[in-house]
Amino acid sequence: MTVLKQHHAPGMTAEMYDQVAAGAMPSQRVADGFVAHYAIVEDGGITVIEIWDSIAQHDAWFNETVKPHLPPDVPEPTFTDVHNSNTR
């Protein structure tokens, strides 16, 4: 089932995000199950919102590619099932 991921990293600056994203984006574009990625600067940090075909596909990519580059105190992401979507 398609899922929406929300992941807030308190204290992460846009510059820190950009550094992690530069290394992660190329592999994310071709990752199995990846649909979309958005990053928002808010609440003293960065919130990443993504759409994936499944949590398992997200985790396979994220745990290898992104998680090793995050501070250890960054909270775990949350996932919500997508009931419907409409994109162009």
C-alpha atoms as a PDB file:
ATOM      1  CA  MET A   1       0.000   0.000   0.000  1.00  0.00           C
ATOM      2  CA  THR A   2       1.253   3.498  -0.866  1.00  0.00           C
ATOM      3  CA  VAL A   3       2.452   5.483   2.145  1.00  0.00           C
ATOM      4  CA  LEU A   4       3.186   9.097   3.023  1.00  0.00           C
ATOM      5  CA  LYS A   5       6.304   9.564   5.133  1.00  0.00           C
ATOM      6  CA  GLN A   6       6.834  12.564   7.411  1.00  0.00           C
ATOM      7  CA  HIS A   7      10.224  13.022   9.023  1.00  0.00           C
ATOM      8  CA  HIS A   8      11.119  16.110  11.046  1.00  0.00           C
ATOM      9  CA  ALA A   9      14.772  16.695  11.930  1.00  0.00           C
ATOM     10  CA  PRO A  10      14.898  19.365  14.666  1.00  0.00           C
ATOM     11  CA  GLY A  11      17.948  21.599  14.447  1.00  0.00           C
ATOM     12  CA  MET A  12      18.850  20.513  10.926  1.00  0.00           C
ATOM     13  CA  THR A  13      19.643  23.568   8.827  1.00  0.00           C
ATOM     14  CA  ALA A  14      18.882  23.908   5.127  1.00  0.00           C
ATOM     15  CA  GLU A  15      22.618  23.673   4.474  1.00  0.00           C
ATOM     16  CA  MET A  16      22.896  20.408   6.411  1.00  0.00           C
ATOM     17  CA  TYR A  17      19.886  19.020   4.543  1.00  0.00           C
ATOM     18  CA  ASP A  18      21.362  20.083   1.194  1.00  0.00           C
ATOM     19  CA  GLN A  19      24.580  18.206   1.955  1.00  0.00           C
ATOM     20  CA  VAL A  20      22.765  14.961   2.812  1.00  0.00           C
ATOM     21  CA  ALA A  21      20.338  15.393  -0.097  1.00  0.00           C
ATOM     22  CA  ALA A  22      23.147  15.901  -2.631  1.00  0.00           C
ATOM     23  CA  GLY A  23      24.484  12.444  -1.854  1.00  0.00           C
ATOM     24  CA  ALA A  24      21.088  10.755  -1.517  1.00  0.00           C
ATOM     25  CA  MET A  25      18.951  12.171  -4.335  1.00  0.00           C
ATOM     26  CA  PRO A  26      20.560  10.336  -7.280  1.00  0.00           C
ATOM     27  CA  SER A  27      19.952   6.922  -5.739  1.00  0.00           C
ATOM     28  CA  GLN A  28      16.511   7.928  -4.472  1.00  0.00           C
ATOM     29  CA  ARG A  29      15.283   8.788  -7.974  1.00  0.00           C
ATOM     30  CA  VAL A  30      15.864   5.188  -9.043  1.00  0.00           C
ATOM     31  CA  ALA A  31      15.047   3.460  -5.733  1.00  0.00           C
ATOM     32  CA  ASP A  32      12.448   0.717  -5.913  1.00  0.00           C
ATOM     33  CA  GLY A  33       9.114   2.125  -4.723  1.00  0.00           C
ATOM     34  CA  PHE A  34      10.075   5.816  -4.661  1.00  0.00           C
ATOM     35  CA  VAL A  35       7.370   8.245  -5.853  1.00  0.00           C
ATOM     36  CA  ALA A  36       8.036  11.800  -4.586  1.00  0.00           C
ATOM     37  CA  HIS A  37      10.161  13.874  -2.164  1.00  0.00           C
ATOM     38  CA  TYR A  38       9.549  17.300  -0.612  1.00  0.00           C
ATOM     39  CA  ALA A  39      11.590  19.175   2.015  1.00  0.00           C
ATOM     40  CA  ILE A  40      10.217  22.034   4.098  1.00  0.00           C
ATOM     41  CA  VAL A  41      12.094  24.341   6.471  1.00  0.00           C
ATOM     42  CA  GLU A  42       9.868  24.638   9.566  1.00  0.00           C
ATOM     43  CA  ASP A  43       9.816  24.556  13.359  1.00  0.00           C
ATOM     44  CA  GLY A  44      13.566  25.035  13.726  1.00  0.00           C
ATOM     45  CA  GLY A  45      14.502  22.176  11.413  1.00  0.00           C
ATOM     46  CA  ILE A  46      13.696  20.337   8.212  1.00  0.00           C
ATOM     47  CA  THR A  47      10.609  18.242   7.553  1.00  0.00           C
ATOM     48  CA  VAL A  48      10.822  15.732   4.731  1.00  0.00           C
ATOM     49  CA  ILE A  49       7.612  14.460   3.173  1.00  0.00           C
ATOM     50  CA  GLU A  50       7.817  11.555   0.763  1.00  0.00           C
ATOM     51  CA  ILE A  51       5.547   9.143  -1.047  1.00  0.00           C
ATOM     52  CA  TRP A  52       6.637   5.502  -1.338  1.00  0.00           C
ATOM     53  CA  ASP A  53       4.928   2.382  -2.618  1.00  0.00           C
ATOM     54  CA  SER A  54       5.606   0.733   0.762  1.00  0.00           C
ATOM     55  CA  ILE A  55       7.368   1.227   4.081  1.00  0.00           C
ATOM     56  CA  ALA A  56       9.631  -1.747   3.353  1.00  0.00           C
ATOM     57  CA  GLN A  57      10.860  -0.153   0.115  1.00  0.00           C
ATOM     58  CA  HIS A  58      11.476   3.136   1.910  1.00  0.00           C
ATOM     59  CA  ASP A  59      13.353   1.445   4.732  1.00  0.00           C
ATOM     60  CA  ALA A  60      15.572  -0.578   2.387  1.00  0.00           C
ATOM     61  CA  TRP A  61      16.778   2.634   0.729  1.00  0.00           C
ATOM     62  CA  PHE A  62      16.707   4.991   3.747  1.00  0.00           C
ATOM     63  CA  ASN A  63      18.522   2.744   6.223  1.00  0.00           C
ATOM     64  CA  GLU A  64      21.439   2.273   3.850  1.00  0.00           C
ATOM     65  CA  THR A  65      21.634   5.684   2.177  1.00  0.00           C
ATOM     66  CA  VAL A  66      20.397   8.379   4.567  1.00  0.00           C
ATOM     67  CA  LYS A  67      20.263   7.143   8.149  1.00  0.00           C
ATOM     68  CA  PRO A  68      24.065   6.802   8.540  1.00  0.00           C
ATOM     69  CA  HIS A  69      24.382  10.552   7.782  1.00  0.00           C
ATOM     70  CA  LEU A  70      21.814  11.775  10.309  1.00  0.00           C
ATOM     71  CA  PRO A  71      22.551  12.787  13.895  1.00  0.00           C
ATOM     72  CA  PRO A  72      21.681   9.945  16.303  1.00  0.00           C
ATOM     73  CA  ASP A  73      18.971  12.001  18.057  1.00  0.00           C
ATOM     74  CA  VAL A  74      16.798  12.555  14.948  1.00  0.00           C
ATOM     75  CA  PRO A  75      13.361  11.051  15.627  1.00  0.00           C
ATOM     76  CA  GLU A  76      12.129   8.155  13.508  1.00  0.00           C
ATOM     77  CA  PRO A  77       9.835   9.011  10.573  1.00  0.00           C
ATOM     78  CA  THR A  78       6.100   8.435  10.716  1.00  0.00           C
ATOM     79  CA  PHE A  79       4.054   6.786   7.962  1.00  0.00           C
ATOM     80  CA  THR A  80       0.415   7.114   6.951  1.00  0.00           C
ATOM     81  CA  ASP A  81      -1.413   5.008   4.369  1.00  0.00           C
ATOM     82  CA  VAL A  82      -2.445   7.003   1.311  1.00  0.00           C
ATOM     83  CA  HIS A  83      -6.109   6.513   0.554  1.00  0.00           C
ATOM     84  CA  ASN A  84      -6.128   8.538  -2.667  1.00  0.00           C
ATOM     85  CA  SER A  85      -3.892  10.880  -4.647  1.00  0.00           C
ATOM     86  CA  ASN A  86      -4.141  13.081  -7.691  1.00  0.00           C
ATOM     87  CA  THR A  87      -1.043  14.341  -9.504  1.00  0.00           C
ATOM     88  CA  ARG A  88      -0.395  15.699 -12.927  1.00  0.00           C
END
